[in-house]
Protein backbone atom coordinates (compact mmCIF):
# COMPACT_ATOMS: atom_id res chain seq x y z
CA MET A 1 233.63 93.67 -41.58
CA TRP A 2 236.67 95.21 -43.25
CA ILE A 3 237.85 96.62 -39.92
CA ILE A 4 238.01 93.09 -38.50
CA VAL A 5 239.93 91.93 -41.57
CA ILE A 6 242.44 94.78 -41.14
CA ILE A 7 242.90 93.98 -37.44
CA CYS A 8 243.38 90.27 -38.19
CA ILE A 9 245.99 91.04 -40.85
CA TYR A 10 247.70 93.42 -38.44
CA PHE A 11 248.00 90.81 -35.70
CA ALA A 12 248.98 88.11 -38.16
CA ALA A 13 251.92 90.34 -39.13
CA LEU A 14 252.84 90.77 -35.44
CA MET A 15 252.73 87.01 -34.88
CA PHE A 16 254.90 86.45 -37.97
CA ILE A 17 257.51 88.92 -36.68
CA SER A 18 257.33 87.30 -33.25
CA ARG A 19 257.96 83.85 -34.73
CA LEU A 20 261.03 85.09 -36.58
CA THR A 21 262.54 86.78 -33.51
CA GLN A 22 261.84 84.20 -30.80
CA ARG A 23 264.13 81.45 -32.08
CA ARG A 24 266.59 80.25 -29.43
CA ALA A 25 265.15 82.86 -27.08
CA ASP A 26 266.12 82.81 -23.41
CA ASN A 27 266.05 85.33 -20.56
CA GLN A 28 268.93 87.32 -22.07
CA THR A 29 266.89 87.60 -25.25
CA PHE A 30 263.71 88.56 -23.39
CA PHE A 31 265.37 91.14 -21.12
CA ARG A 32 268.22 92.53 -23.26
CA ALA A 33 267.86 91.22 -26.84
CA GLU A 34 271.47 90.03 -26.38
CA ARG A 35 272.50 93.64 -27.00
CA ARG A 36 272.43 93.24 -30.77
CA SER A 37 269.65 95.63 -31.80
CA PRO A 38 270.38 98.04 -34.69
CA TRP A 39 270.20 101.53 -33.25
CA TYR A 40 268.22 103.00 -36.16
CA MET A 41 265.47 100.38 -35.73
CA VAL A 42 265.27 101.09 -32.00
CA ALA A 43 265.08 104.83 -32.69
CA PHE A 44 262.29 104.54 -35.25
CA GLY A 45 260.31 102.06 -33.15
CA MET A 46 260.65 104.14 -30.00
CA VAL A 47 258.77 107.01 -31.62
CA GLY A 48 255.70 104.80 -31.90
CA ALA A 49 256.25 103.16 -28.51
CA SER A 50 256.29 106.59 -26.86
CA ILE A 51 252.97 107.56 -28.48
CA SER A 52 250.09 105.81 -26.73
CA GLY A 53 246.59 105.42 -28.11
CA VAL A 54 245.50 108.17 -25.74
CA THR A 55 248.07 110.48 -27.35
CA PHE A 56 246.77 109.61 -30.82
CA VAL A 57 243.29 110.73 -29.75
CA SER A 58 244.18 113.61 -27.42
CA VAL A 59 246.98 115.63 -29.03
CA PRO A 60 244.95 116.87 -32.05
CA GLY A 61 242.29 118.15 -29.66
CA MET A 62 244.80 120.15 -27.61
CA VAL A 63 244.55 123.00 -30.12
CA LEU A 64 241.01 123.75 -28.93
CA SER A 65 242.15 124.81 -25.47
CA SER A 66 245.88 125.54 -25.67
CA GLN A 67 246.66 126.13 -29.36
CA MET A 68 249.97 124.53 -30.37
CA THR A 69 251.74 125.45 -27.14
CA TYR A 70 252.34 121.74 -26.48
CA LEU A 71 255.25 122.09 -28.91
CA GLN A 72 257.02 124.11 -26.19
CA VAL A 73 257.08 120.91 -24.13
CA CYS A 74 258.33 118.96 -27.16
CA LEU A 75 261.22 121.40 -27.59
CA GLY A 76 262.12 120.73 -23.96
CA PHE A 77 262.06 117.02 -24.80
CA ILE A 78 265.16 117.51 -26.96
CA VAL A 79 267.17 118.83 -24.00
CA GLY A 80 265.90 115.97 -21.85
CA TYR A 81 266.96 113.36 -24.40
CA LEU A 82 270.44 114.90 -24.58
CA VAL A 83 270.73 114.58 -20.78
CA VAL A 84 269.59 110.96 -20.92
CA ALA A 85 272.00 110.20 -23.78
CA PHE A 86 275.11 111.78 -22.27
CA VAL A 87 274.51 111.55 -18.50
CA LEU A 88 272.38 108.47 -17.78
CA LEU A 89 273.21 106.10 -20.65
CA PRO A 90 276.98 106.13 -19.92
CA VAL A 91 276.22 105.03 -16.35
CA TYR A 92 273.86 102.26 -17.45
CA TYR A 93 276.26 100.92 -20.07
CA LYS A 94 279.31 101.15 -17.81
CA LEU A 95 277.55 99.04 -15.17
CA ASN A 96 276.15 96.68 -17.84
CA LEU A 97 272.66 96.89 -16.31
CA THR A 98 269.68 94.73 -17.20
CA SER A 99 267.34 96.88 -15.10
CA ILE A 100 268.22 100.53 -14.55
CA TYR A 101 267.13 100.28 -10.91
CA MET A 102 270.09 98.00 -10.20
CA TYR A 103 272.09 101.24 -10.11
CA LEU A 104 270.19 102.33 -7.00
CA GLY A 105 271.18 99.11 -5.25
CA GLN A 106 274.86 99.57 -6.08
CA ARG A 107 274.94 103.25 -5.14
CA LEU A 108 272.41 103.69 -2.31
CA GLY A 109 271.49 100.28 -0.88
CA ARG A 110 268.93 97.51 -1.12
CA GLN A 111 265.99 99.45 0.37
CA SER A 112 266.53 102.29 -2.10
CA TYR A 113 266.80 99.73 -4.92
CA GLN A 114 263.56 98.00 -3.95
CA THR A 115 261.78 101.32 -3.41
CA GLY A 116 262.67 102.56 -6.89
CA ALA A 117 261.58 99.27 -8.46
CA TRP A 118 258.25 99.19 -6.60
CA PHE A 119 257.51 102.81 -7.51
CA PHE A 120 258.12 101.91 -11.15
CA LEU A 121 255.95 98.78 -10.97
CA LEU A 122 253.06 100.68 -9.39
CA SER A 123 253.31 103.67 -11.73
CA LYS A 124 253.70 101.68 -14.92
CA MET A 125 251.03 99.07 -14.20
CA VAL A 126 248.34 101.58 -13.26
CA GLY A 127 249.35 104.15 -15.88
CA ALA A 128 249.49 101.57 -18.69
CA THR A 129 246.18 100.08 -17.55
CA ILE A 130 244.35 103.40 -17.69
CA LYS A 131 245.83 104.25 -21.09
CA PHE A 132 244.90 100.87 -22.54
CA TYR A 133 241.46 101.04 -20.92
CA VAL A 134 240.70 104.25 -22.81
CA VAL A 135 241.79 102.59 -26.05
CA CYS A 136 239.70 99.49 -25.32
CA MET A 137 236.68 101.75 -24.88
CA VAL A 138 237.32 103.39 -28.26
CA LEU A 139 237.75 100.02 -30.00
CA GLN A 140 234.62 98.73 -28.29
CA GLN A 141 232.67 101.72 -29.61
CA PHE A 142 233.98 101.57 -33.18
CA VAL A 143 234.50 97.83 -33.69
CA PHE A 144 233.38 95.26 -31.14
CA GLU A 145 230.03 96.71 -30.05
CA ALA A 146 228.56 96.36 -33.55
CA LEU A 147 229.63 92.71 -33.53
CA GLY A 148 227.97 92.04 -30.18
CA VAL A 149 231.28 91.24 -28.44
CA PRO A 150 231.15 92.02 -24.67
CA PHE A 151 233.75 94.44 -23.33
CA MET A 152 235.25 91.80 -21.02
CA VAL A 153 235.80 89.38 -23.90
CA SER A 154 237.37 92.02 -26.15
CA VAL A 155 239.81 93.04 -23.39
CA LEU A 156 240.84 89.45 -22.70
CA VAL A 157 241.40 88.81 -26.41
CA LEU A 158 243.46 91.97 -26.91
CA VAL A 159 245.69 91.28 -23.89
CA LEU A 160 246.01 87.62 -24.92
CA LEU A 161 247.32 88.76 -28.31
CA ILE A 162 249.98 90.92 -26.61
CA TRP A 163 251.04 87.97 -24.46
CA LEU A 164 251.23 85.64 -27.46
CA TYR A 165 253.63 87.74 -29.52
CA THR A 166 255.85 88.85 -26.60
CA ARG A 167 255.95 85.73 -24.41
CA LYS A 168 259.20 84.28 -25.81
CA GLY A 169 261.15 86.97 -27.63
CA GLY A 170 260.37 89.78 -25.20
CA VAL A 171 262.29 92.96 -25.93
CA ARG A 172 263.99 91.46 -29.02
CA THR A 173 260.56 90.92 -30.55
CA LEU A 174 259.46 94.42 -29.53
CA VAL A 175 262.35 96.11 -31.35
CA PHE A 176 261.03 94.67 -34.63
CA THR A 177 257.29 94.88 -33.93
CA ASP A 178 257.73 98.53 -32.92
CA VAL A 179 259.14 99.31 -36.36
CA PHE A 180 256.08 97.73 -37.97
CA GLN A 181 253.63 99.41 -35.58
CA THR A 182 255.27 102.82 -35.91
CA SER A 183 255.05 102.51 -39.70
CA CYS A 184 251.34 101.70 -39.45
CA LEU A 185 250.84 104.64 -37.08
CA PHE A 186 252.45 107.13 -39.46
CA VAL A 187 250.61 105.74 -42.49
CA ALA A 188 247.29 106.12 -40.65
CA LEU A 189 248.11 109.65 -39.45
CA LEU A 190 249.30 110.91 -42.83
CA LEU A 191 246.34 109.39 -44.68
CA ILE A 192 243.86 110.92 -42.22
CA ILE A 193 245.48 114.32 -42.83
CA TYR A 194 245.23 113.66 -46.57
CA MET A 195 241.51 112.79 -46.22
CA VAL A 196 240.91 116.09 -44.42
CA MET A 197 242.78 117.95 -47.16
CA LEU A 198 240.57 116.31 -49.80
CA GLN A 199 237.40 117.33 -47.97
CA MET A 200 238.63 120.90 -47.67
CA ASP A 201 239.94 120.90 -51.26
CA PHE A 202 243.33 122.02 -49.93
CA SER A 203 246.73 121.67 -51.56
CA LEU A 204 249.85 121.48 -49.40
CA THR A 205 250.35 125.21 -49.93
CA ASP A 206 246.76 125.85 -48.79
CA VAL A 207 247.38 123.79 -45.66
CA LEU A 208 250.47 125.78 -44.75
CA GLY A 209 248.59 129.03 -45.31
CA ALA A 210 245.62 127.89 -43.23
CA LEU A 211 247.87 126.86 -40.37
CA TYR A 212 249.83 130.11 -40.52
CA THR A 213 246.75 132.35 -40.26
CA ASP A 214 244.82 130.33 -37.64
CA GLU A 215 245.15 131.64 -34.08
CA ARG A 216 245.09 128.01 -32.86
CA SER A 217 248.53 127.59 -34.43
CA ARG A 218 250.18 129.83 -31.82
CA VAL A 219 253.16 127.98 -30.33
CA PHE A 220 254.90 130.31 -27.88
CA GLU A 221 253.54 132.06 -24.80
CA PHE A 222 255.86 134.47 -22.98
CA ASP A 223 253.36 136.98 -21.56
CA ASP A 224 251.88 135.45 -18.38
CA TRP A 225 254.34 133.58 -16.14
CA THR A 226 251.47 132.28 -13.97
CA SER A 227 249.93 130.48 -16.95
CA PRO A 228 250.50 126.71 -17.16
CA ARG A 229 251.42 127.34 -20.81
CA TYR A 230 254.20 129.86 -20.08
CA PHE A 231 257.18 128.97 -22.30
CA TRP A 232 259.88 128.41 -19.69
CA LYS A 233 257.57 126.32 -17.53
CA GLN A 234 256.68 124.04 -20.40
CA PHE A 235 260.19 123.93 -21.86
CA LEU A 236 261.88 122.99 -18.56
CA SER A 237 259.05 120.64 -17.67
CA GLY A 238 259.47 118.91 -21.04
CA ALA A 239 263.15 118.35 -20.31
CA PHE A 240 262.44 116.90 -16.86
CA ILE A 241 259.54 114.79 -18.13
CA VAL A 242 261.93 113.04 -20.52
CA ILE A 243 264.67 112.66 -17.91
CA VAL A 244 262.25 111.03 -15.48
CA MET A 245 259.69 109.28 -17.64
CA THR A 246 262.25 108.02 -20.16
CA GLY A 247 265.68 108.06 -18.56
CA LEU A 248 264.47 106.75 -15.19
CA ASP A 249 261.77 104.45 -16.56
CA GLN A 250 262.65 100.81 -17.24
CA ASP A 251 259.93 100.60 -19.88
CA MET A 252 261.40 103.40 -21.97
CA MET A 253 265.05 102.47 -21.37
CA GLN A 254 264.92 98.71 -21.84
CA LYS A 255 265.00 98.82 -25.64
CA ASN A 256 267.63 101.57 -25.62
CA LEU A 257 269.86 99.26 -23.58
CA THR A 258 269.73 96.60 -26.31
CA CYS A 259 271.98 98.55 -28.71
CA ARG A 260 275.42 97.12 -29.45
CA SER A 261 277.36 99.94 -27.80
CA LEU A 262 276.96 103.14 -25.83
CA ARG A 263 277.70 105.24 -28.92
CA GLU A 264 274.91 103.53 -30.88
CA ALA A 265 272.51 103.95 -27.97
CA GLN A 266 273.32 107.67 -27.87
CA LYS A 267 272.66 108.01 -31.61
CA ASP A 268 269.36 106.21 -31.10
CA MET A 269 268.35 108.45 -28.20
CA CYS A 270 269.22 111.72 -29.95
CA SER A 271 267.53 110.68 -33.20
CA TYR A 272 264.12 109.87 -31.81
CA GLY A 273 264.36 112.72 -29.32
CA VAL A 274 264.53 115.25 -32.14
CA ALA A 275 261.81 113.37 -34.08
CA PHE A 276 259.16 114.16 -31.47
CA VAL A 277 258.87 117.79 -32.59
CA PRO A 278 257.77 117.10 -36.20
CA VAL A 279 255.64 114.12 -35.14
CA ASN A 280 253.65 116.14 -32.61
CA LEU A 281 253.49 119.04 -35.07
CA LEU A 282 251.64 116.69 -37.44
CA PHE A 283 249.15 115.73 -34.73
CA LEU A 284 248.54 119.36 -33.79
CA ALA A 285 248.25 120.44 -37.44
CA LEU A 286 245.60 117.76 -37.88
CA GLY A 287 243.72 119.27 -34.93
CA VAL A 288 243.75 122.76 -36.48
CA LEU A 289 242.57 121.42 -39.84
CA LEU A 290 239.76 119.43 -38.20
CA ALA A 291 238.59 122.53 -36.32
CA GLN A 292 238.56 124.54 -39.57
CA LEU A 293 236.70 121.75 -41.37
CA PHE A 294 233.96 121.60 -38.71
CA GLU A 295 233.62 125.39 -38.70
CA SER A 296 233.24 125.45 -42.48
CA GLN A 297 230.47 122.84 -42.20
CA ASP A 298 228.75 124.60 -39.26
CA VAL A 299 229.41 121.61 -37.04
CA ALA A 300 229.78 122.49 -33.37
CA LEU A 301 233.25 121.83 -32.00
CA PRO A 302 233.28 119.33 -29.12
CA ALA A 303 233.56 120.59 -25.55
CA LYS A 304 236.46 118.22 -24.89
CA GLY A 305 239.52 118.07 -27.11
CA ASP A 306 239.67 114.28 -26.81
CA GLU A 307 236.44 114.09 -28.80
CA LEU A 308 237.70 116.06 -31.82
CA LEU A 309 239.24 113.23 -33.86
CA PRO A 310 236.56 110.63 -32.93
CA LEU A 311 233.89 113.17 -33.93
CA TYR A 312 235.52 113.54 -37.34
CA VAL A 313 235.55 109.76 -37.79
CA GLU A 314 231.86 109.53 -36.88
CA HIS A 315 230.94 112.33 -39.30
CA THR A 316 232.90 111.01 -42.26
CA SER A 317 232.87 107.22 -41.89
CA SER A 318 229.50 106.96 -43.69
CA PHE A 319 231.01 108.73 -46.74
CA PHE A 320 234.63 107.56 -46.51
CA HIS A 321 234.76 104.12 -44.94
CA ILE A 322 238.53 104.26 -45.09
CA THR A 323 238.51 106.99 -42.41
CA SER A 324 237.26 104.64 -39.71
CA TYR A 325 239.72 101.96 -40.89
CA LEU A 326 242.63 104.38 -40.61
CA PHE A 327 241.46 105.61 -37.21
CA VAL A 328 241.29 102.07 -35.82
CA LEU A 329 244.66 101.19 -37.37
CA GLY A 330 246.26 104.27 -35.81
CA ILE A 331 244.71 103.59 -32.39
CA VAL A 332 245.73 99.92 -32.41
CA SER A 333 249.28 100.69 -33.58
CA ALA A 334 249.83 103.41 -30.98
CA SER A 335 248.26 101.54 -28.08
CA PHE A 336 249.81 98.13 -28.67
CA SER A 337 253.34 99.44 -29.18
CA SER A 338 252.95 101.17 -25.80
CA ALA A 339 251.19 98.35 -23.91
CA ASP A 340 253.42 95.48 -25.05
CA SER A 341 256.50 97.47 -24.04
CA ALA A 342 255.03 98.21 -20.60
CA LEU A 343 254.15 94.56 -19.91
CA THR A 344 257.61 93.37 -20.96
CA SER A 345 259.37 95.93 -18.75
CA LEU A 346 257.12 95.07 -15.81
CA THR A 347 258.10 91.41 -16.18
CA THR A 348 261.77 92.37 -16.37
CA SER A 349 261.66 94.59 -13.29
CA TYR A 350 259.75 92.03 -11.22
CA CYS A 351 262.10 89.15 -12.07
CA VAL A 352 265.35 91.12 -11.89
CA ASP A 353 264.68 93.79 -9.25
CA ILE A 354 262.10 92.30 -6.89
CA LYS A 355 262.89 88.58 -7.08
CA GLY A 356 266.58 88.91 -8.03
CA ARG A 357 266.39 85.91 -10.38
CA ALA A 358 267.40 87.18 -13.79
CA HIS A 359 268.27 83.70 -15.10
CA ASP A 360 265.12 81.86 -13.95
CA GLU A 361 263.18 81.23 -17.17
CA GLN A 362 260.24 79.55 -15.44
CA LEU A 363 259.80 82.58 -13.15
CA ARG A 364 259.94 84.89 -16.16
CA LYS A 365 257.31 82.90 -18.07
CA ARG A 366 254.96 82.69 -15.06
CA SER A 367 255.45 86.35 -14.18
CA HIS A 368 254.79 87.53 -17.72
CA LEU A 369 251.53 85.58 -17.89
CA ILE A 370 250.37 86.72 -14.43
CA ILE A 371 251.20 90.38 -15.17
CA CYS A 372 249.22 90.19 -18.43
CA LEU A 373 246.24 88.66 -16.60
CA LEU A 374 246.45 91.30 -13.86
CA PHE A 375 246.58 93.95 -16.59
CA ALA A 376 243.36 92.59 -18.13
CA VAL A 377 241.62 92.30 -14.74
CA MET A 378 242.46 95.92 -13.85
CA ILE A 379 241.04 97.16 -17.16
CA ILE A 380 237.81 95.24 -16.53
CA VAL A 381 237.61 96.59 -12.95
CA PHE A 382 237.96 100.17 -14.21
CA HIS A 383 235.15 99.47 -16.66
CA LEU A 384 232.88 98.01 -13.97
CA LEU A 385 233.51 100.96 -11.67
CA ASN A 386 232.65 103.30 -14.56
CA ASN A 387 233.71 106.23 -12.42
CA LYS A 388 235.63 108.82 -14.43
CA SER A 389 236.46 110.90 -11.35
CA LEU A 390 238.01 107.86 -9.67
CA ILE A 391 240.09 107.06 -12.74
CA ASP A 392 241.23 110.70 -12.98
CA ALA A 393 242.19 110.60 -9.29
CA ILE A 394 244.21 107.41 -9.77
CA TYR A 395 245.95 108.89 -12.80
CA THR A 396 246.81 112.00 -10.78
CA ILE A 397 248.28 109.87 -7.98
CA VAL A 398 250.38 107.91 -10.46
CA SER A 399 251.71 111.16 -11.93
CA TYR A 400 253.22 111.92 -8.51
CA THR A 401 255.12 108.66 -8.21
CA TYR A 402 257.82 109.55 -10.75
CA GLY A 403 259.10 112.39 -8.56
CA PRO A 404 260.74 110.07 -6.00
CA LEU A 405 262.58 108.28 -8.82
CA LEU A 406 263.97 111.65 -9.94
CA GLY A 407 265.10 112.44 -6.38
CA LEU A 408 266.72 109.02 -5.91
CA PHE A 409 268.74 109.13 -9.11
CA VAL A 410 269.81 112.78 -8.71
CA PHE A 411 270.99 112.06 -5.17
CA GLY A 412 272.93 109.03 -6.35
CA LEU A 413 274.48 110.65 -9.42
CA PHE A 414 275.33 114.11 -8.14
CA THR A 415 276.31 113.55 -4.50
CA LYS A 416 278.81 111.27 -2.81
CA ARG A 417 276.90 111.12 0.45
CA LEU A 418 275.70 107.88 1.99
CA VAL A 419 271.94 107.69 2.31
CA ASN A 420 270.25 106.22 5.38
CA ASP A 421 268.90 103.36 3.32
CA ARG A 422 266.24 102.10 5.73
CA TRP A 423 264.49 105.51 5.66
CA THR A 424 264.39 105.79 1.86
CA PRO A 425 260.91 104.20 1.50
CA VAL A 426 259.51 106.65 4.06
CA VAL A 427 260.99 109.68 2.26
CA CYS A 428 259.70 108.47 -1.11
CA VAL A 429 256.16 108.03 0.23
CA ILE A 430 256.05 111.32 2.16
CA SER A 431 257.44 113.48 -0.67
CA PRO A 432 254.47 113.06 -3.04
CA CYS A 433 252.11 113.77 -0.12
CA PHE A 434 253.90 117.04 0.62
CA CYS A 435 253.87 117.81 -3.09
CA TYR A 436 250.10 117.36 -3.26
CA ALA A 437 249.66 119.62 -0.21
CA ILE A 438 251.84 122.34 -1.79
CA ASP A 439 249.85 122.16 -5.02
CA SER A 440 246.53 122.43 -3.15
CA MET A 441 247.68 125.35 -0.97
CA ALA A 442 249.08 127.25 -3.97
CA GLN A 443 245.69 127.08 -5.66
CA ILE A 444 243.84 128.21 -2.52
CA LEU A 445 246.21 130.99 -1.43
CA TRP A 446 247.50 132.41 -4.71
CA GLY A 447 245.33 130.87 -7.39
CA TYR A 448 248.48 129.32 -8.88
CA HIS A 449 248.03 126.03 -10.73
CA PHE A 450 251.09 123.84 -11.00
CA GLY A 451 251.54 122.15 -14.34
CA TYR A 452 254.25 119.75 -15.41
CA GLU A 453 256.69 121.60 -13.14
CA LEU A 454 255.17 119.72 -10.19
CA LEU A 455 257.44 116.83 -11.17
CA MET A 456 260.51 118.97 -10.41
CA VAL A 457 259.09 120.01 -7.03
CA ASN A 458 258.40 116.37 -6.19
CA GLY A 459 261.94 115.33 -7.09
CA LEU A 460 263.41 118.22 -5.10
CA LEU A 461 261.45 117.25 -1.97
CA THR A 462 262.68 113.66 -2.27
CA PHE A 463 266.27 114.84 -2.76
CA LEU A 464 266.09 117.12 0.30
CA GLY A 465 264.62 114.31 2.43
CA LEU A 466 267.42 111.94 1.42
CA TRP A 467 270.02 114.64 2.04
CA LEU A 468 268.75 115.40 5.57
CA LEU A 469 268.94 111.72 6.47
CA SER A 470 272.34 111.11 4.84
CA ARG A 471 275.91 111.37 6.02
CA SER A 472 279.21 112.26 4.42
CA ALA A 473 281.12 109.42 2.81
CA GLU A 474 284.11 110.28 5.00
CA CYS A 475 282.04 109.39 8.05
CA GLN A 476 281.74 105.74 6.99
CA SER A 477 283.47 103.40 9.35
CA PRO A 478 286.47 101.59 7.83
CA SER A 479 285.74 97.99 6.98
């Protein structure tokens, strides 16, 4: 019962913030927040928006299979955020863009512009759906199932709530709700860590000592270059992940483009870029402490890392009811700050990039509602299929679709050649296919498993395809 009360209070707070921020709202408010957002609020909120509910569940469990080597990726994030701040943001602000894919239209042509936008729409819709589906399953297990609420109804209600608090204010509302949701996320995370410390009778000094001596706390791996966890692979991959999945992603960039000036946007980007290291360190430290707690109680560790934190909640909720409340609060905060941002950016990209009607408020309102309904329908379809291998396959396919965006932007930013615009869609579809073939052959022939570095290979293939079909700018006929 108390969980429902907490969730109701949580959404009441979101609706209150939405009401305050949606006054005199129009398309400029929805898409760009009139470029008046305080940079420090954007920076703090973006930390929570970048952490999905899946991350909240999965990162602590990573220590069971890969120790704390995920921090190598997080260190690479810092380099990636510096590139976004000082290479991409100046371009976006100079061109005064509403959607970052408008750059592709100005530099490469309409087909390239539309291709980039459609790749984003496909990637973001499916990726956000799968992430939110996993969270809906967790909430169904811990909250709604005991109340007898069907999965379909709970999904429709959750998506309806997102639509209600974002439908008018859009990104201006999200800047403020993200601050609230990120605060809730950190409170939940820190209190869960504190609960574990109480159960283990640990002081802060004891925690630091336990982390230092545990082999699961190992961060760096320099020995085996073929390992997916090899330092330079993960570090460089982390940098490129940020460049592509933040700097070239309308969802992640939309709020960063609402700052008052380029300088403020750069301060925002650098601030939350650095913050990811300590934030993920907290998640991983929680994972190590949970593993030690289970071992001290002779409880078998789960086979899958994703089950580590939920297992702790199940084991302790009967003794500490607050544990389940904090877990649900953390999941809801992480998942909603990610999902509401995705749905708003999808609406923006569709109206601005695909339809080319940035000032049509009726189109924006209809599109936002339809995208939210499609989002709910896709979650329900995934549930009805109940096929984990299919969902994993779809998620793998989506992970390939960011490579073409990397190739398109690198070609536009770092060459002066004129692309053969009509062939851009073909190159961007073929490149991920070649990338998949290369990955498969490497495993068969050499036993080499590509990790995050596959994104760089994908972008390189797209770049080479565009280059082969391009011509020098000097060859352009005079107008």
